Amino acid sequence: MLPDLDTLRQQLMLPQLVNGGLETLLNHLIQRTEYCEPYLRKLQEKVLAVHFEHLNQQIYLMFSAQRVDLLHQYEGSTDCAIRIS
């Protein structure tokens, strides 16, 4: 039996929804933090890969001067990688 199209669509959208929520929360916290701009400037154009071994998921944090972007896929090379078990 094939899965229902609506169920499949919801399952595919859930990771994007979680990713968007985490990115929004992270950037909101960054904006509320005093003196974070010098640190973000040092990290500008750097990419951090975070691998969650228990979930078998990987995310990439791409830093800019004012914000952080969360990505599920990244084609380039990373500057640092972290494994969380």
Protein backbone atom coordinates (compact mmCIF):
# COMPACT_ATOMS: atom_id res chain seq x y z
CA MET A 1 0.00 0.00 0.00
CA LEU A 2 1.40 3.41 -0.99
CA PRO A 3 1.47 6.21 1.59
CA ASP A 4 -1.12 8.95 1.37
CA LEU A 5 0.19 11.99 -0.55
CA ASP A 6 -0.83 14.41 2.22
CA THR A 7 0.95 12.32 4.87
CA LEU A 8 4.07 12.14 2.74
CA ARG A 9 4.01 15.90 2.13
CA GLN A 10 3.73 16.57 5.88
CA GLN A 11 6.64 14.27 6.64
CA LEU A 12 8.80 15.99 4.06
CA MET A 13 7.91 19.47 5.31
CA LEU A 14 8.52 18.72 9.00
CA PRO A 15 12.36 18.94 8.81
CA GLN A 16 12.08 22.25 6.95
CA LEU A 17 9.65 23.59 9.55
CA VAL A 18 11.93 22.55 12.42
CA ASN A 19 14.96 24.01 10.63
CA GLY A 20 13.16 27.33 10.05
CA GLY A 21 12.05 27.49 13.66
CA LEU A 22 15.54 26.80 15.00
CA GLU A 23 17.07 29.37 12.67
CA THR A 24 14.53 32.01 13.72
CA LEU A 25 15.08 31.26 17.41
CA LEU A 26 18.87 31.33 17.08
CA ASN A 27 18.86 34.65 15.21
CA HIS A 28 16.40 36.15 17.69
CA LEU A 29 18.76 35.22 20.54
CA ILE A 30 21.71 36.64 18.62
CA GLN A 31 19.89 39.95 18.10
CA ARG A 32 19.10 40.17 21.83
CA THR A 33 22.70 39.48 22.86
CA GLU A 34 24.85 42.50 23.53
CA TYR A 35 28.29 42.68 21.97
CA CYS A 36 27.78 39.71 19.65
CA GLU A 37 28.65 41.61 16.45
CA PRO A 38 32.46 41.41 16.92
CA TYR A 39 32.20 37.64 17.33
CA LEU A 40 29.94 37.27 14.30
CA ARG A 41 32.33 39.37 12.23
CA LYS A 42 35.15 36.97 13.12
CA LEU A 43 32.97 34.04 12.02
CA GLN A 44 31.73 35.74 8.85
CA GLU A 45 31.69 33.38 5.83
CA LYS A 46 32.64 30.39 8.01
CA VAL A 47 30.65 27.14 7.94
CA LEU A 48 30.24 24.78 10.89
CA ALA A 49 28.96 21.23 10.35
CA VAL A 50 27.15 19.60 13.27
CA HIS A 51 26.46 15.87 13.02
CA PHE A 52 23.97 14.36 15.46
CA GLU A 53 24.97 10.69 15.53
CA HIS A 54 21.97 9.50 17.53
CA LEU A 55 19.55 11.06 15.01
CA ASN A 56 21.79 10.42 11.99
CA GLN A 57 21.24 14.04 10.94
CA GLN A 58 23.64 16.77 9.95
CA ILE A 59 23.11 20.54 9.86
CA TYR A 60 25.36 23.33 8.70
CA LEU A 61 25.63 26.73 10.32
CA MET A 62 26.68 29.44 7.91
CA PHE A 63 27.72 32.65 9.65
CA SER A 64 27.40 36.22 8.39
CA ALA A 65 28.00 39.58 10.07
CA GLN A 66 24.50 39.78 11.56
CA ARG A 67 22.96 36.31 11.48
CA VAL A 68 23.35 32.56 11.20
CA ASP A 69 21.76 30.45 8.48
CA LEU A 70 20.91 26.78 9.17
CA LEU A 71 21.16 24.42 6.22
CA HIS A 72 20.44 20.71 5.87
CA GLN A 73 22.67 20.42 2.80
CA TYR A 74 25.86 22.22 1.90
CA GLU A 75 27.98 21.53 -1.16
CA GLY A 76 31.14 23.39 -0.17
CA SER A 77 33.84 22.59 2.34
CA THR A 78 33.32 23.27 6.03
CA ASP A 79 35.67 25.15 8.31
CA CYS A 80 34.89 23.03 11.36
CA ALA A 81 32.91 19.87 12.14
CA ILE A 82 31.38 18.66 15.41
CA ARG A 83 29.97 15.20 16.17
CA ILE A 84 27.37 14.91 18.90
CA SER A 85 26.51 11.44 20.11
